[in-house]
Protein backbone atom coordinates (compact mmCIF):
# COMPACT_ATOMS: atom_id res chain seq x y z
CA MET A 1 -24.78 -132.53 -51.01
CA ILE A 2 -24.16 -133.59 -47.97
CA ILE A 3 -23.49 -137.17 -46.73
CA GLY A 4 -23.65 -138.53 -43.15
CA HIS A 5 -21.91 -141.28 -42.25
CA ILE A 6 -21.55 -143.60 -38.80
CA GLY A 7 -19.07 -146.26 -38.70
CA ALA A 8 -20.23 -149.15 -36.18
CA ARG A 9 -18.97 -152.37 -36.01
CA LYS A 10 -20.38 -155.33 -33.49
CA GLY A 11 -17.61 -156.51 -31.65
CA SER A 12 -14.91 -154.67 -28.88
CA LYS A 13 -12.16 -155.50 -27.30
CA GLY A 14 -12.16 -152.89 -24.39
CA VAL A 15 -16.63 -152.77 -24.48
CA PRO A 16 -18.22 -155.29 -25.38
CA GLY A 17 -21.27 -154.59 -27.55
CA LYS A 18 -20.02 -151.25 -26.46
CA ASN A 19 -21.43 -149.37 -29.84
CA PHE A 20 -25.02 -150.83 -29.31
CA ARG A 21 -25.03 -150.50 -25.58
CA ASP A 22 -27.76 -148.83 -23.69
CA ILE A 23 -26.25 -144.78 -22.61
CA CYS A 24 -28.98 -142.25 -20.65
CA GLY A 25 -31.09 -144.10 -21.79
CA LYS A 26 -31.01 -145.12 -25.53
CA PRO A 27 -27.66 -147.33 -27.63
CA LEU A 28 -24.31 -145.08 -27.92
CA ILE A 29 -24.72 -145.08 -31.55
CA ASP A 30 -28.51 -143.03 -31.27
CA TRP A 31 -26.19 -139.95 -29.69
CA SER A 32 -24.62 -139.34 -32.74
CA LEU A 33 -27.49 -141.30 -35.64
CA ASP A 34 -29.69 -138.05 -34.75
CA GLN A 35 -27.35 -135.17 -34.50
CA LEU A 36 -27.27 -136.64 -38.45
CA PHE A 37 -30.74 -136.94 -38.76
CA GLU A 38 -31.60 -133.88 -36.61
CA SER A 39 -29.00 -131.62 -38.78
CA LYS A 40 -30.68 -129.93 -41.54
CA ARG A 41 -27.13 -129.94 -43.53
CA VAL A 42 -26.90 -133.77 -44.01
CA ASP A 43 -28.70 -134.90 -46.83
CA ALA A 44 -28.55 -138.46 -46.51
CA VAL A 45 -27.30 -140.92 -43.68
CA VAL A 46 -25.04 -144.28 -43.98
CA VAL A 47 -24.67 -147.08 -41.61
CA SER A 48 -21.70 -148.83 -42.25
CA THR A 49 -22.02 -151.98 -40.17
CA ASP A 50 -21.23 -155.88 -39.84
CA SER A 51 -23.92 -155.66 -37.37
CA GLU A 52 -27.68 -157.37 -38.35
CA GLU A 53 -28.94 -155.57 -35.15
CA ILE A 54 -26.84 -152.13 -35.96
CA TYR A 55 -28.15 -152.62 -39.51
CA ALA A 56 -32.24 -152.88 -38.90
CA HIS A 57 -32.01 -149.67 -36.15
CA ALA A 58 -30.46 -147.48 -39.16
CA VAL A 59 -32.29 -148.48 -41.83
CA ALA A 60 -34.85 -148.39 -39.74
CA LYS A 61 -34.83 -144.65 -38.57
CA GLY A 62 -34.13 -144.01 -42.77
CA ALA A 63 -30.68 -144.81 -43.00
CA LEU A 64 -29.33 -145.99 -46.32
CA GLU A 65 -29.87 -149.00 -46.95
CA ILE A 66 -26.26 -150.65 -48.55
CA GLY A 67 -26.72 -153.69 -46.56
CA LEU A 68 -23.62 -155.08 -44.68
CA ARG A 69 -20.31 -154.15 -44.77
CA PRO A 70 -18.02 -156.55 -46.51
CA ALA A 71 -15.57 -159.03 -44.11
CA HIS A 72 -12.80 -157.74 -44.84
CA LEU A 73 -13.26 -154.23 -43.94
CA ALA A 74 -14.67 -156.15 -40.14
CA THR A 75 -12.07 -157.15 -38.39
CA ASP A 76 -10.09 -155.84 -36.16
CA THR A 77 -7.27 -154.26 -37.96
CA ALA A 78 -9.29 -153.05 -40.36
CA GLY A 79 -9.08 -149.32 -41.43
CA LYS A 80 -11.49 -146.20 -41.17
CA TRP A 81 -10.31 -145.04 -44.54
CA ASN A 82 -11.73 -148.01 -46.52
CA VAL A 83 -14.62 -147.76 -44.01
CA TRP A 84 -15.59 -144.01 -45.38
CA GLN A 85 -14.70 -145.55 -49.23
CA HIS A 86 -16.92 -148.10 -49.39
CA ALA A 87 -19.77 -146.47 -47.28
CA LEU A 88 -19.24 -143.62 -49.62
CA GLU A 89 -19.45 -145.61 -52.54
CA GLU A 90 -22.62 -147.06 -52.39
CA ALA A 91 -23.96 -143.72 -50.76
CA GLU A 92 -23.21 -142.16 -53.95
CA LYS A 93 -25.16 -144.96 -56.03
CA HIS A 94 -28.48 -144.40 -54.02
CA VAL A 95 -28.60 -140.30 -53.80
CA GLY A 96 -26.13 -138.94 -56.67
CA PRO A 97 -22.89 -137.08 -56.10
CA ALA A 98 -21.56 -135.64 -52.44
CA SER A 99 -20.17 -132.55 -51.63
CA ALA A 100 -18.77 -133.51 -48.53
CA PHE A 101 -18.06 -136.81 -46.08
CA LEU A 102 -19.25 -136.42 -42.80
CA ASP A 103 -18.71 -139.26 -40.15
CA LEU A 104 -18.88 -138.49 -36.75
CA ASP A 105 -17.88 -141.64 -34.44
CA CYS A 106 -20.55 -143.63 -32.53
CA THR A 107 -17.87 -143.42 -29.60
CA SER A 108 -17.20 -139.75 -28.97
CA PRO A 109 -21.13 -139.21 -28.27
CA LEU A 110 -20.24 -136.02 -26.13
CA ARG A 111 -19.88 -133.56 -29.37
CA ILE A 112 -23.45 -131.68 -29.63
CA GLU A 113 -25.03 -129.68 -33.00
CA GLU A 114 -22.35 -126.30 -33.15
CA ASP A 115 -19.37 -128.92 -33.68
CA ILE A 116 -21.00 -130.41 -36.28
CA ASP A 117 -21.66 -127.59 -38.50
CA GLN A 118 -18.48 -125.33 -36.97
CA ALA A 119 -16.18 -128.39 -38.88
CA LEU A 120 -18.38 -128.00 -41.55
CA ASP A 121 -18.23 -124.14 -41.88
CA LEU A 122 -14.93 -124.26 -41.87
CA PHE A 123 -14.75 -127.36 -44.30
CA PHE A 124 -16.91 -125.41 -47.19
CA ALA A 125 -14.24 -121.72 -45.99
CA GLN A 126 -11.69 -123.25 -46.06
CA LYS A 127 -11.48 -126.26 -48.84
CA PRO A 128 -9.09 -128.55 -47.28
CA ASP A 129 -8.80 -132.21 -48.27
CA MET A 130 -10.20 -133.11 -44.77
CA VAL A 131 -11.35 -131.81 -41.63
CA MET A 132 -9.84 -132.96 -38.16
CA SER A 133 -11.65 -132.52 -34.85
CA CYS A 134 -8.40 -131.49 -32.53
CA CYS A 135 -8.43 -130.14 -28.99
CA ASP A 136 -4.65 -129.38 -26.98
CA ALA A 137 -2.70 -131.82 -26.43
CA ARG A 138 -2.62 -132.40 -22.59
CA LYS A 139 1.10 -133.39 -22.87
CA ASN A 140 3.55 -132.53 -25.21
CA PRO A 141 6.04 -134.40 -26.94
CA TYR A 142 8.85 -131.30 -26.88
CA PHE A 143 7.87 -130.39 -23.44
CA ASN A 144 6.78 -132.90 -21.22
CA LEU A 145 5.82 -137.10 -23.13
CA VAL A 146 9.81 -138.33 -22.75
CA GLU A 147 11.21 -141.86 -24.13
CA PRO A 148 14.04 -144.17 -23.22
CA ASP A 149 17.55 -144.52 -25.23
CA GLU A 150 19.28 -148.20 -25.71
CA THR A 151 20.90 -147.49 -22.14
CA GLY A 152 16.52 -147.52 -20.62
CA ALA A 153 17.77 -143.21 -20.00
CA LEU A 154 14.94 -141.09 -20.97
CA HIS A 155 14.63 -138.16 -22.95
CA VAL A 156 12.55 -135.83 -23.85
CA SER A 157 10.18 -137.99 -27.03
CA LYS A 158 11.52 -134.05 -29.37
CA PRO A 159 13.70 -132.35 -28.34
CA LEU A 160 15.27 -128.29 -29.24
CA PRO A 161 18.04 -126.66 -29.56
CA GLY A 162 18.50 -125.18 -25.65
CA GLY A 163 15.13 -127.28 -24.81
CA VAL A 164 11.88 -126.42 -23.70
CA VAL A 165 11.31 -124.91 -20.51
CA ALA A 166 8.11 -123.65 -19.83
CA ARG A 167 5.09 -125.82 -21.60
CA GLN A 168 4.14 -121.98 -23.05
CA GLN A 169 7.19 -121.94 -25.32
CA ALA A 170 6.89 -125.79 -26.67
CA PRO A 171 4.96 -126.01 -30.03
CA VAL A 172 1.27 -126.04 -31.00
CA VAL A 173 0.62 -129.76 -30.43
CA TYR A 174 -3.11 -131.01 -30.62
CA GLU A 175 -4.75 -134.76 -29.97
CA HIS A 176 -6.38 -135.91 -32.75
CA ALA A 177 -9.85 -136.78 -31.66
CA ALA A 178 -11.91 -139.25 -32.97
CA SER A 179 -15.14 -137.21 -32.86
CA THR A 180 -15.51 -134.81 -36.18
CA TYR A 181 -14.43 -135.20 -39.83
CA VAL A 182 -15.50 -133.65 -42.09
CA VAL A 183 -13.42 -134.98 -46.15
CA ASP A 184 -13.91 -134.11 -49.53
CA PRO A 185 -15.81 -136.79 -51.20
CA ALA A 186 -12.64 -136.52 -54.44
CA TYR A 187 -10.11 -136.39 -51.96
CA LEU A 188 -11.11 -139.84 -50.67
CA LYS A 189 -12.16 -141.79 -52.96
CA GLN A 190 -8.08 -141.32 -54.48
CA ALA A 191 -6.23 -140.71 -51.10
CA GLN A 192 -5.13 -144.21 -49.79
CA ALA A 193 -4.36 -143.04 -45.98
CA LEU A 194 -5.86 -139.41 -44.14
CA PHE A 195 -3.19 -137.68 -44.48
CA GLU A 196 -2.18 -137.62 -47.15
CA GLY A 197 -3.78 -134.55 -48.83
CA ARG A 198 -4.88 -130.93 -46.71
CA VAL A 199 -5.98 -131.69 -43.59
CA ILE A 200 -6.88 -129.06 -40.75
CA PRO A 201 -7.83 -128.53 -37.60
CA TYR A 202 -11.07 -128.17 -36.32
CA VAL A 203 -10.34 -127.73 -32.53
CA MET A 204 -12.73 -128.81 -29.51
CA PRO A 205 -13.07 -128.67 -25.99
CA ALA A 206 -11.18 -131.77 -24.74
CA SER A 207 -14.04 -132.03 -22.60
CA ARG A 208 -16.63 -133.04 -26.02
CA CYS A 209 -13.73 -135.43 -26.64
CA LEU A 210 -12.95 -138.64 -24.75
CA ASP A 211 -14.02 -141.93 -27.32
CA ILE A 212 -14.96 -144.87 -25.25
CA ASP A 213 -12.37 -147.16 -25.66
CA GLU A 214 -12.28 -149.76 -22.21
CA GLU A 215 -15.34 -150.02 -19.58
CA PHE A 216 -13.62 -147.34 -17.47
CA ASP A 217 -14.01 -144.78 -20.75
CA PHE A 218 -18.18 -145.64 -20.85
CA ARG A 219 -18.21 -145.10 -17.05
CA LEU A 220 -16.78 -141.79 -17.67
CA VAL A 221 -19.22 -140.28 -20.66
CA LYS A 222 -22.13 -141.35 -19.33
CA LEU A 223 -21.04 -139.55 -16.32
CA LEU A 224 -20.43 -136.43 -18.10
CA MET A 225 -23.57 -137.18 -20.22
CA GLN A 226 -25.53 -136.97 -17.06
CA GLU A 227 -24.33 -134.06 -16.29
CA GLN A 228 -25.69 -132.45 -19.53
CA LEU A 229 -28.97 -133.77 -19.82
CA ASN A 230 -29.10 -132.47 -16.42
CA GLY A 231 -27.64 -128.97 -17.29
């Protein structure tokens, strides 16, 4: 039993109402929600939201009726982990125990079906506590990320003995891409935070990992989606 999940608050400081805002012909949430419904591997879909409009929309499309998320999970400071725990608990009341909890972030709509399948394949093959989408980091703390010391002078964030003079010499670093996650339900129920267990990367192209957090991001993602739709 694979439960597909999307979390979508009605509020957003960076892009007000972004999760239900139209992008390329349908609400932003639908680019991810439709992927869950179209996947032959997802058995049930649940949407966690504090928006009556988004909730009614999701249920009408076939999402489980779990009600609106509790108020303490609808704030700016509410963590993704606790939202997942609540959604899993409510979903299992309807469909029984899950073998995997698949979360798609609706603010990262550029993933493709192949990303979902490969993340699931990795999860079932490697059996980690969680698979987390990542992309190769564009900046590396061992090489070209710097931070000031107490005098204001800059230093490499993570210096190595002898230094790193070429990017290729630096250890591999990934960016956490808020796109696609596959979580072991048992781990989700008992852990208190994301990185307590064995979390492994599903590496995606950076071009499919863009996350809408500001108005500029919305414009950029819309442009890339238009290119995709036009082939």
